[in-house]
């Protein structure tokens, strides 16, 4: 099915667990301020496109693509404002888009395309590929003005503040091209 969201401000966060194409009309805003994640994806054959996604200092991620998800497309969204460090793994990062897996059932996320998004004003990293992700395409995104964080000295020596456009950890078959 395809759902078209009308223009307007939606004060909420939600999970998508079933196959769907979710398209936004121009001016459709999801304000997930004070929510941990704006859109959490755990399913197959899911596309989300055209939204402005807003968070604040209490928001960890604009999008979270969770273990077991397959054939996911995140396209043409504007994502900004996430500022809460991830409490689940003691990371100092918040994320515009987080794709993460694990080595137990459900299997890692696979066949994820992140394209044509603008990500800014996030604390830590624009796009993060967590452990055990496969077949990921990151293309033509504009990532800018990422707020710096203090990383522990043993991670990046001699750096006071670090901001990251795209990062990954234990991933397989990743294509990154055309991003700014």
N, C-alpha and C. Protein backbone atom coordinates (compact mmCIF):
# COMPACT_ATOMS: atom_id res chain seq x y z
N UNK A 1 0.83 -1.18 0.00
CA UNK A 1 0.00 0.00 0.00
C UNK A 1 0.87 1.24 0.00
N UNK A 2 0.30 2.32 -0.48
CA UNK A 2 0.94 3.62 -0.43
C UNK A 2 0.06 4.56 0.38
N UNK A 3 0.67 5.23 1.35
CA UNK A 3 -0.04 6.24 2.14
C UNK A 3 0.61 7.58 1.85
N UNK A 4 -0.19 8.58 1.54
CA UNK A 4 0.31 9.92 1.31
C UNK A 4 -0.11 10.80 2.48
N UNK A 5 0.89 11.34 3.17
CA UNK A 5 0.64 12.21 4.32
C UNK A 5 0.44 13.63 3.82
N UNK A 6 -0.59 14.27 4.26
CA UNK A 6 -0.89 15.64 3.88
C UNK A 6 0.08 16.61 4.54
N UNK A 7 0.19 17.79 3.98
CA UNK A 7 0.99 18.84 4.59
C UNK A 7 0.44 19.14 5.98
N UNK A 8 1.33 19.47 6.89
CA UNK A 8 0.92 19.79 8.25
C UNK A 8 1.96 19.26 9.22
N UNK A 9 1.81 19.64 10.47
CA UNK A 9 2.77 19.23 11.49
C UNK A 9 2.16 18.10 12.32
N UNK A 10 2.89 16.98 12.39
CA UNK A 10 2.47 15.81 13.15
C UNK A 10 3.37 15.70 14.37
N UNK A 11 2.81 15.90 15.56
CA UNK A 11 3.58 15.85 16.80
C UNK A 11 3.56 14.42 17.31
N UNK A 12 4.50 13.59 16.83
CA UNK A 12 4.47 12.18 17.19
C UNK A 12 5.74 11.47 16.75
N UNK A 13 5.85 10.25 17.21
CA UNK A 13 6.83 9.31 16.70
C UNK A 13 6.08 8.01 16.47
N UNK A 14 6.61 7.15 15.60
CA UNK A 14 5.89 5.90 15.34
C UNK A 14 6.83 4.84 14.78
N UNK A 15 6.34 3.60 14.80
CA UNK A 15 7.06 2.45 14.27
C UNK A 15 6.35 1.95 13.03
N UNK A 16 7.14 1.47 12.07
CA UNK A 16 6.59 0.85 10.87
C UNK A 16 7.07 -0.59 10.86
N UNK A 17 6.11 -1.52 10.83
CA UNK A 17 6.45 -2.94 10.90
C UNK A 17 5.87 -3.75 9.75
N UNK A 18 5.21 -3.08 8.82
CA UNK A 18 4.59 -3.78 7.69
C UNK A 18 4.99 -3.10 6.38
N UNK A 19 4.94 -3.83 5.30
CA UNK A 19 5.31 -3.29 3.99
C UNK A 19 4.43 -2.11 3.64
N UNK A 20 5.09 -0.99 3.29
CA UNK A 20 4.33 0.22 2.99
C UNK A 20 5.23 1.24 2.29
N UNK A 21 4.62 2.08 1.48
CA UNK A 21 5.28 3.27 0.96
C UNK A 21 4.60 4.44 1.63
N UNK A 22 5.36 5.23 2.39
CA UNK A 22 4.84 6.39 3.10
C UNK A 22 5.45 7.63 2.46
N UNK A 23 4.62 8.39 1.74
CA UNK A 23 5.07 9.57 1.01
C UNK A 23 4.47 10.82 1.64
N UNK A 24 5.28 11.87 1.72
CA UNK A 24 4.82 13.12 2.31
C UNK A 24 4.54 14.15 1.23
N UNK A 25 3.44 14.86 1.40
CA UNK A 25 3.20 16.04 0.58
C UNK A 25 4.16 17.13 1.03
N UNK A 26 4.44 18.08 0.17
CA UNK A 26 5.30 19.19 0.55
C UNK A 26 4.73 19.87 1.79
N UNK A 27 5.58 20.07 2.81
CA UNK A 27 5.13 20.70 4.04
C UNK A 27 4.70 19.74 5.12
N UNK A 28 4.88 18.44 4.92
CA UNK A 28 4.56 17.46 5.96
C UNK A 28 5.74 17.35 6.92
N UNK A 29 5.48 17.61 8.19
CA UNK A 29 6.54 17.65 9.21
C UNK A 29 6.19 16.67 10.32
N UNK A 30 7.15 15.86 10.69
CA UNK A 30 7.01 15.01 11.87
C UNK A 30 7.89 15.61 12.95
N UNK A 31 7.26 16.15 13.97
CA UNK A 31 8.00 16.74 15.10
C UNK A 31 8.04 15.71 16.21
N UNK A 32 9.20 15.08 16.36
CA UNK A 32 9.39 14.03 17.36
C UNK A 32 10.14 14.56 18.58
N UNK A 33 10.09 15.87 18.79
CA UNK A 33 10.74 16.45 19.96
C UNK A 33 10.25 15.74 21.21
N UNK A 34 11.18 15.45 22.10
CA UNK A 34 10.91 14.74 23.37
C UNK A 34 10.56 13.27 23.19
N UNK A 35 10.73 12.73 21.97
CA UNK A 35 10.57 11.30 21.70
C UNK A 35 11.95 10.73 21.40
N UNK A 36 12.19 9.45 21.69
CA UNK A 36 13.53 8.90 21.47
C UNK A 36 13.88 8.79 19.99
N UNK A 37 12.93 8.36 19.16
CA UNK A 37 13.16 8.21 17.72
C UNK A 37 11.90 8.65 16.98
N UNK A 38 12.09 9.38 15.89
CA UNK A 38 10.92 9.83 15.12
C UNK A 38 10.24 8.65 14.43
N UNK A 39 11.00 7.92 13.60
CA UNK A 39 10.44 6.78 12.87
C UNK A 39 11.34 5.57 13.08
N UNK A 40 10.78 4.55 13.67
CA UNK A 40 11.49 3.29 13.90
C UNK A 40 10.98 2.26 12.90
N UNK A 41 11.90 1.65 12.15
CA UNK A 41 11.53 0.69 11.11
C UNK A 41 12.01 -0.69 11.50
N UNK A 42 11.08 -1.64 11.52
CA UNK A 42 11.43 -3.04 11.73
C UNK A 42 10.47 -3.88 10.91
N UNK A 43 10.83 -4.05 9.64
CA UNK A 43 9.98 -4.79 8.73
C UNK A 43 10.64 -4.90 7.38
N UNK A 44 9.88 -5.29 6.39
CA UNK A 44 10.41 -5.49 5.04
C UNK A 44 9.63 -4.65 4.04
N UNK A 45 10.33 -4.25 2.98
CA UNK A 45 9.71 -3.52 1.87
C UNK A 45 9.02 -2.25 2.35
N UNK A 46 9.81 -1.36 2.95
CA UNK A 46 9.30 -0.11 3.51
C UNK A 46 10.03 1.07 2.88
N UNK A 47 9.28 2.06 2.41
CA UNK A 47 9.84 3.29 1.86
C UNK A 47 9.22 4.46 2.61
N UNK A 48 10.09 5.40 3.03
CA UNK A 48 9.61 6.65 3.65
C UNK A 48 10.28 7.80 2.92
N UNK A 49 9.47 8.72 2.38
CA UNK A 49 10.07 9.81 1.60
C UNK A 49 9.31 11.11 1.77
N UNK A 50 10.08 12.21 1.71
CA UNK A 50 9.52 13.54 1.58
C UNK A 50 9.19 14.28 2.86
N UNK A 51 9.54 13.75 4.03
CA UNK A 51 9.19 14.40 5.29
C UNK A 51 10.28 15.33 5.78
N UNK A 52 9.89 16.32 6.58
CA UNK A 52 10.84 17.02 7.43
C UNK A 52 10.69 16.36 8.80
N UNK A 53 11.80 15.89 9.34
CA UNK A 53 11.82 15.19 10.63
C UNK A 53 12.56 16.08 11.62
N UNK A 54 11.88 16.46 12.70
CA UNK A 54 12.45 17.36 13.70
C UNK A 54 12.60 16.63 15.02
N UNK A 55 13.76 16.82 15.67
CA UNK A 55 13.96 16.30 17.01
C UNK A 55 14.49 17.41 17.90
N UNK A 56 14.84 17.05 19.14
CA UNK A 56 15.45 18.02 20.05
C UNK A 56 16.47 17.31 20.94
N UNK A 57 16.85 17.93 22.03
CA UNK A 57 17.87 17.35 22.91
C UNK A 57 17.41 16.09 23.62
N UNK A 58 16.16 15.70 23.45
CA UNK A 58 15.64 14.46 24.02
C UNK A 58 15.38 13.40 22.95
N UNK A 59 15.88 13.63 21.73
CA UNK A 59 15.67 12.72 20.61
C UNK A 59 16.99 12.08 20.21
N UNK A 60 17.03 10.76 20.12
CA UNK A 60 18.25 10.03 19.77
C UNK A 60 18.43 9.96 18.25
N UNK A 61 17.35 9.64 17.51
CA UNK A 61 17.48 9.42 16.07
C UNK A 61 16.24 9.91 15.32
N UNK A 62 16.48 10.38 14.09
CA UNK A 62 15.38 10.69 13.19
C UNK A 62 14.76 9.40 12.67
N UNK A 63 15.61 8.51 12.16
CA UNK A 63 15.20 7.18 11.71
C UNK A 63 16.05 6.15 12.41
N UNK A 64 15.45 5.03 12.77
CA UNK A 64 16.18 3.87 13.24
C UNK A 64 15.72 2.67 12.42
N UNK A 65 16.65 2.06 11.67
CA UNK A 65 16.35 0.85 10.92
C UNK A 65 16.90 -0.30 11.76
N UNK A 66 16.01 -1.15 12.26
CA UNK A 66 16.34 -2.13 13.29
C UNK A 66 16.66 -3.51 12.72
N UNK A 67 17.24 -4.39 13.54
CA UNK A 67 17.59 -5.74 13.08
C UNK A 67 16.42 -6.45 12.41
N UNK A 68 16.74 -7.17 11.35
CA UNK A 68 15.75 -7.95 10.64
C UNK A 68 15.05 -7.23 9.51
N UNK A 69 15.27 -5.94 9.37
CA UNK A 69 14.61 -5.16 8.31
C UNK A 69 15.30 -5.41 6.97
N UNK A 70 14.50 -5.51 5.91
CA UNK A 70 15.03 -5.77 4.58
C UNK A 70 14.29 -4.93 3.55
N UNK A 71 15.04 -4.47 2.55
CA UNK A 71 14.50 -3.67 1.45
C UNK A 71 13.85 -2.39 1.97
N UNK A 72 14.68 -1.54 2.55
CA UNK A 72 14.25 -0.28 3.16
C UNK A 72 14.78 0.88 2.32
N UNK A 73 13.94 1.87 2.06
CA UNK A 73 14.36 3.07 1.34
C UNK A 73 13.98 4.29 2.18
N UNK A 74 14.98 5.12 2.48
CA UNK A 74 14.77 6.40 3.16
C UNK A 74 15.25 7.46 2.18
N UNK A 75 14.32 8.24 1.63
CA UNK A 75 14.62 9.08 0.47
C UNK A 75 13.97 10.46 0.60
N UNK A 76 14.73 11.48 0.27
CA UNK A 76 14.25 12.86 0.13
C UNK A 76 13.61 13.43 1.40
N UNK A 77 14.20 13.11 2.56
CA UNK A 77 13.75 13.67 3.83
C UNK A 77 14.72 14.74 4.29
N UNK A 78 14.24 15.66 5.12
CA UNK A 78 15.07 16.66 5.78
C UNK A 78 15.02 16.31 7.26
N UNK A 79 16.20 16.04 7.84
CA UNK A 79 16.27 15.50 9.20
C UNK A 79 17.18 16.41 10.03
N UNK A 80 16.68 16.88 11.19
CA UNK A 80 17.51 17.76 12.00
C UNK A 80 17.04 17.83 13.44
N UNK A 81 17.98 18.23 14.33
CA UNK A 81 17.66 18.53 15.71
C UNK A 81 17.92 17.44 16.73
N UNK A 82 18.31 16.24 16.33
CA UNK A 82 18.52 15.16 17.29
C UNK A 82 19.74 15.48 18.16
N UNK A 83 19.59 15.35 19.49
CA UNK A 83 20.69 15.75 20.35
C UNK A 83 20.94 14.87 21.56
N UNK A 84 20.18 13.77 21.74
CA UNK A 84 20.36 12.93 22.92
C UNK A 84 21.35 11.81 22.63
N UNK A 85 22.40 11.70 23.43
CA UNK A 85 23.35 10.61 23.30
C UNK A 85 22.62 9.28 23.51
N UNK A 86 23.01 8.27 22.73
CA UNK A 86 22.33 6.98 22.76
C UNK A 86 22.56 6.26 24.10
N UNK A 87 21.55 6.18 24.95
CA UNK A 87 21.74 5.55 26.26
C UNK A 87 21.81 4.02 26.19
N UNK A 88 21.36 3.41 25.09
CA UNK A 88 21.33 1.94 25.03
C UNK A 88 22.71 1.33 24.84
N UNK A 89 23.66 2.10 24.31
CA UNK A 89 25.01 1.55 24.13
C UNK A 89 26.09 2.49 24.67
N UNK A 90 25.70 3.44 25.48
CA UNK A 90 26.62 4.39 26.09
C UNK A 90 27.41 5.20 25.07
N UNK A 91 26.88 5.32 23.86
CA UNK A 91 27.52 6.13 22.83
C UNK A 91 27.23 7.60 23.10
N UNK A 92 28.19 8.47 22.80
CA UNK A 92 27.92 9.91 22.92
C UNK A 92 27.18 10.47 21.72
N UNK A 93 26.84 9.61 20.74
CA UNK A 93 26.25 10.05 19.48
C UNK A 93 24.73 10.08 19.53
N UNK A 94 24.16 11.05 18.81
CA UNK A 94 22.78 10.96 18.35
C UNK A 94 22.89 10.83 16.83
N UNK A 95 21.79 10.55 16.15
CA UNK A 95 21.86 10.17 14.75
C UNK A 95 20.74 10.80 13.93
N UNK A 96 21.06 11.22 12.72
CA UNK A 96 20.01 11.55 11.78
C UNK A 96 19.34 10.25 11.34
N UNK A 97 20.16 9.30 10.88
CA UNK A 97 19.68 7.97 10.48
C UNK A 97 20.60 6.94 11.11
N UNK A 98 20.02 5.98 11.81
CA UNK A 98 20.76 4.88 12.43
C UNK A 98 20.28 3.57 11.83
N UNK A 99 21.21 2.78 11.29
CA UNK A 99 20.91 1.44 10.80
C UNK A 99 21.77 0.50 11.64
N UNK A 100 21.14 -0.44 12.33
CA UNK A 100 21.93 -1.30 13.21
C UNK A 100 21.38 -2.72 13.21
N UNK A 101 22.28 -3.64 13.47
CA UNK A 101 21.90 -5.05 13.53
C UNK A 101 22.58 -5.71 14.70
N UNK A 102 22.42 -7.01 14.75
CA UNK A 102 23.12 -7.81 15.73
C UNK A 102 23.35 -9.19 15.15
N UNK A 103 24.01 -10.04 15.89
CA UNK A 103 24.32 -11.36 15.33
C UNK A 103 23.37 -12.44 15.82
N UNK A 104 22.25 -12.06 16.40
CA UNK A 104 21.25 -13.02 16.81
C UNK A 104 19.95 -12.74 16.05
N UNK A 105 19.02 -13.63 16.10
CA UNK A 105 17.75 -13.45 15.43
C UNK A 105 17.02 -12.28 16.07
N UNK A 106 16.42 -11.32 15.35
CA UNK A 106 16.35 -11.31 13.89
C UNK A 106 17.69 -10.94 13.26
N UNK A 107 17.83 -11.32 12.03
CA UNK A 107 19.07 -11.09 11.31
C UNK A 107 19.34 -9.61 11.11
N UNK A 108 20.55 -9.28 10.67
CA UNK A 108 20.89 -7.87 10.46
C UNK A 108 20.04 -7.22 9.37
N UNK A 109 19.92 -5.89 9.42
CA UNK A 109 19.22 -5.21 8.33
C UNK A 109 20.01 -5.35 7.03
N UNK A 110 19.30 -5.59 5.93
CA UNK A 110 19.94 -5.74 4.63
C UNK A 110 19.17 -4.95 3.58
N UNK A 111 19.88 -4.64 2.50
CA UNK A 111 19.28 -3.96 1.35
C UNK A 111 18.59 -2.66 1.77
N UNK A 112 19.40 -1.76 2.35
CA UNK A 112 18.91 -0.46 2.80
C UNK A 112 19.49 0.61 1.89
N UNK A 113 18.63 1.48 1.36
CA UNK A 113 19.06 2.61 0.54
C UNK A 113 18.71 3.91 1.26
N UNK A 114 19.73 4.74 1.46
CA UNK A 114 19.57 6.05 2.08
C UNK A 114 19.99 7.06 1.02
N UNK A 115 19.01 7.80 0.47
CA UNK A 115 19.32 8.65 -0.68
C UNK A 115 18.61 10.00 -0.63
N UNK A 116 19.31 11.00 -1.14
CA UNK A 116 18.73 12.32 -1.38
C UNK A 116 18.16 13.00 -0.13
N UNK A 117 18.71 12.68 1.04
CA UNK A 117 18.27 13.30 2.28
C UNK A 117 19.17 14.48 2.63
N UNK A 118 18.63 15.44 3.38
CA UNK A 118 19.43 16.50 3.96
C UNK A 118 19.42 16.28 5.48
N UNK A 119 20.61 16.20 6.07
CA UNK A 119 20.74 15.95 7.50
C UNK A 119 21.65 17.03 8.08
N UNK A 120 21.16 17.72 9.11
CA UNK A 120 21.96 18.77 9.73
C UNK A 120 21.50 18.99 11.17
N UNK A 121 22.32 19.70 11.95
CA UNK A 121 21.94 20.06 13.30
C UNK A 121 21.75 18.88 14.22
N UNK A 122 22.39 17.75 13.89
CA UNK A 122 22.35 16.55 14.73
C UNK A 122 23.64 16.54 15.54
N UNK A 123 23.58 16.06 16.77
CA UNK A 123 24.77 16.00 17.60
C UNK A 123 25.45 14.65 17.41
N UNK A 124 26.63 14.66 16.84
CA UNK A 124 27.40 13.42 16.68
C UNK A 124 27.55 12.98 15.25
N UNK A 125 26.53 12.36 14.67
CA UNK A 125 26.68 11.79 13.33
C UNK A 125 25.40 11.89 12.49
N UNK A 126 25.60 12.13 11.20
CA UNK A 126 24.48 12.21 10.27
C UNK A 126 23.87 10.85 9.99
N UNK A 127 24.71 9.91 9.52
CA UNK A 127 24.27 8.55 9.21
C UNK A 127 25.23 7.59 9.90
N UNK A 128 24.68 6.64 10.66
CA UNK A 128 25.50 5.67 11.37
C UNK A 128 25.04 4.26 11.03
N UNK A 129 25.99 3.46 10.57
CA UNK A 129 25.74 2.04 10.34
C UNK A 129 26.33 1.29 11.53
N UNK A 130 25.46 0.79 12.37
CA UNK A 130 25.90 0.06 13.55
C UNK A 130 26.38 -1.33 13.19
N UNK A 131 26.56 -2.14 14.19
CA UNK A 131 27.10 -3.48 13.98
C UNK A 131 26.22 -4.33 13.07
N UNK A 132 26.88 -5.12 12.27
CA UNK A 132 26.26 -6.16 11.46
C UNK A 132 25.17 -5.61 10.53
N UNK A 133 25.54 -4.78 9.58
CA UNK A 133 24.62 -4.31 8.55
C UNK A 133 25.14 -4.76 7.19
N UNK A 134 24.25 -5.05 6.25
CA UNK A 134 24.67 -5.61 4.96
C UNK A 134 23.90 -4.97 3.80
N UNK A 135 24.61 -4.85 2.67
CA UNK A 135 24.03 -4.37 1.43
C UNK A 135 23.37 -3.00 1.62
N UNK A 136 24.20 -2.03 1.94
CA UNK A 136 23.74 -0.67 2.23
C UNK A 136 24.21 0.26 1.12
N UNK A 137 23.31 1.13 0.63
CA UNK A 137 23.66 2.15 -0.35
C UNK A 137 23.35 3.51 0.25
N UNK A 138 24.37 4.37 0.29
CA UNK A 138 24.22 5.73 0.80
C UNK A 138 24.63 6.65 -0.34
N UNK A 139 23.65 7.35 -0.94
CA UNK A 139 23.92 8.08 -2.18
C UNK A 139 23.21 9.45 -2.19
N UNK A 140 23.95 10.46 -2.62
CA UNK A 140 23.42 11.80 -2.88
C UNK A 140 22.74 12.48 -1.68
N UNK A 141 23.28 12.24 -0.49
CA UNK A 141 22.78 12.92 0.70
C UNK A 141 23.60 14.17 0.96
N UNK A 142 22.99 15.18 1.56
CA UNK A 142 23.68 16.40 1.95
C UNK A 142 23.71 16.43 3.48
N UNK A 143 24.89 16.20 4.04
CA UNK A 143 25.08 16.14 5.49
C UNK A 143 25.96 17.31 5.88
N UNK A 144 25.44 18.20 6.73
CA UNK A 144 26.21 19.39 7.08
C UNK A 144 25.86 19.87 8.48
N UNK A 145 26.73 20.71 9.03
CA UNK A 145 26.51 21.33 10.33
C UNK A 145 26.15 20.31 11.41
N UNK A 146 26.92 19.23 11.47
CA UNK A 146 26.76 18.23 12.53
C UNK A 146 27.44 18.77 13.78
N UNK A 147 26.74 18.78 14.90
CA UNK A 147 27.27 19.32 16.14
C UNK A 147 28.34 18.39 16.70
N UNK A 148 29.48 18.96 17.07
CA UNK A 148 30.59 18.17 17.58
C UNK A 148 30.32 17.62 18.97
N UNK A 149 30.97 16.49 19.25
CA UNK A 149 30.88 15.85 20.56
C UNK A 149 32.30 15.60 21.07
N UNK A 150 32.40 15.36 22.36
CA UNK A 150 33.68 14.98 22.95
C UNK A 150 33.72 13.46 23.00
N UNK A 151 34.67 12.88 22.29
CA UNK A 151 34.86 11.44 22.31
C UNK A 151 35.91 11.09 23.37
N UNK A 152 35.79 9.91 23.98
CA UNK A 152 36.82 9.51 24.93
C UNK A 152 38.20 9.54 24.29
N UNK A 153 39.19 9.93 25.03
CA UNK A 153 40.55 10.10 24.51
C UNK A 153 41.08 8.85 23.81
N UNK A 154 40.66 7.67 24.24
CA UNK A 154 41.19 6.45 23.62
C UNK A 154 40.57 6.16 22.25
N UNK A 155 39.55 6.91 21.83
CA UNK A 155 38.96 6.68 20.52
C UNK A 155 39.63 7.57 19.47
N UNK A 156 39.67 8.86 19.69
CA UNK A 156 40.31 9.79 18.76
C UNK A 156 41.27 10.67 19.57
N UNK A 157 42.52 10.28 19.65
CA UNK A 157 43.48 11.05 20.46
C UNK A 157 43.64 12.48 19.96
N UNK A 158 43.83 13.40 20.87
CA UNK A 158 44.13 14.80 20.59
C UNK A 158 43.01 15.55 19.87
N UNK A 159 41.78 15.09 19.99
CA UNK A 159 40.65 15.80 19.40
C UNK A 159 39.70 16.24 20.50
N UNK A 160 39.36 17.51 20.53
CA UNK A 160 38.42 18.00 21.52
C UNK A 160 36.97 17.73 21.11
N UNK A 161 36.60 18.13 19.90
CA UNK A 161 35.26 17.90 19.39
C UNK A 161 35.33 17.17 18.05
N UNK A 162 34.42 16.24 17.86
CA UNK A 162 34.38 15.48 16.62
C UNK A 162 32.94 15.42 16.14
N UNK A 163 32.74 15.67 14.85
CA UNK A 163 31.44 15.45 14.23
C UNK A 163 31.67 14.52 13.04
N UNK A 164 30.70 13.66 12.78
CA UNK A 164 30.87 12.59 11.80
C UNK A 164 29.73 12.65 10.80
N UNK A 165 30.05 12.68 9.51
CA UNK A 165 29.01 12.64 8.48
C UNK A 165 28.41 11.26 8.36
N UNK A 166 29.27 10.27 8.06
CA UNK A 166 28.84 8.88 7.91
C UNK A 166 29.84 8.01 8.65
N UNK A 167 29.36 7.09 9.47
CA UNK A 167 30.26 6.15 10.12
C UNK A 167 29.67 4.74 10.06
N UNK A 168 30.54 3.76 10.19
CA UNK A 168 30.09 2.38 10.15
C UNK A 168 30.99 1.48 10.97
N UNK A 169 30.44 0.36 11.38
CA UNK A 169 31.14 -0.57 12.25
C UNK A 169 30.66 -1.99 11.93
N UNK A 170 31.56 -2.86 11.49
CA UNK A 170 31.22 -4.25 11.14
C UNK A 170 30.09 -4.33 10.12
N UNK A 171 30.32 -3.79 8.93
CA UNK A 171 29.31 -3.83 7.90
C UNK A 171 29.86 -4.54 6.68
N UNK A 172 28.98 -4.96 5.79
CA UNK A 172 29.39 -5.73 4.62
C UNK A 172 28.65 -5.20 3.39
N UNK A 173 29.39 -5.03 2.29
CA UNK A 173 28.85 -4.61 1.01
C UNK A 173 28.13 -3.26 1.11
N UNK A 174 28.93 -2.22 1.34
CA UNK A 174 28.41 -0.86 1.49
C UNK A 174 28.89 -0.01 0.32
N UNK A 175 27.98 0.74 -0.29
CA UNK A 175 28.31 1.65 -1.36
C UNK A 175 27.98 3.07 -0.90
N UNK A 176 29.00 3.95 -0.89
CA UNK A 176 28.81 5.34 -0.48
C UNK A 176 29.30 6.22 -1.63
N UNK A 177 28.40 7.04 -2.21
CA UNK A 177 28.81 7.86 -3.34
C UNK A 177 27.92 9.10 -3.46
N UNK A 178 28.49 10.16 -4.00
CA UNK A 178 27.74 11.36 -4.36
C UNK A 178 27.21 12.15 -3.18
N UNK A 179 27.72 11.92 -1.98
CA UNK A 179 27.26 12.64 -0.81
C UNK A 179 28.07 13.90 -0.62
N UNK A 180 27.48 14.91 -0.01
CA UNK A 180 28.18 16.15 0.33
C UNK A 180 28.18 16.27 1.83
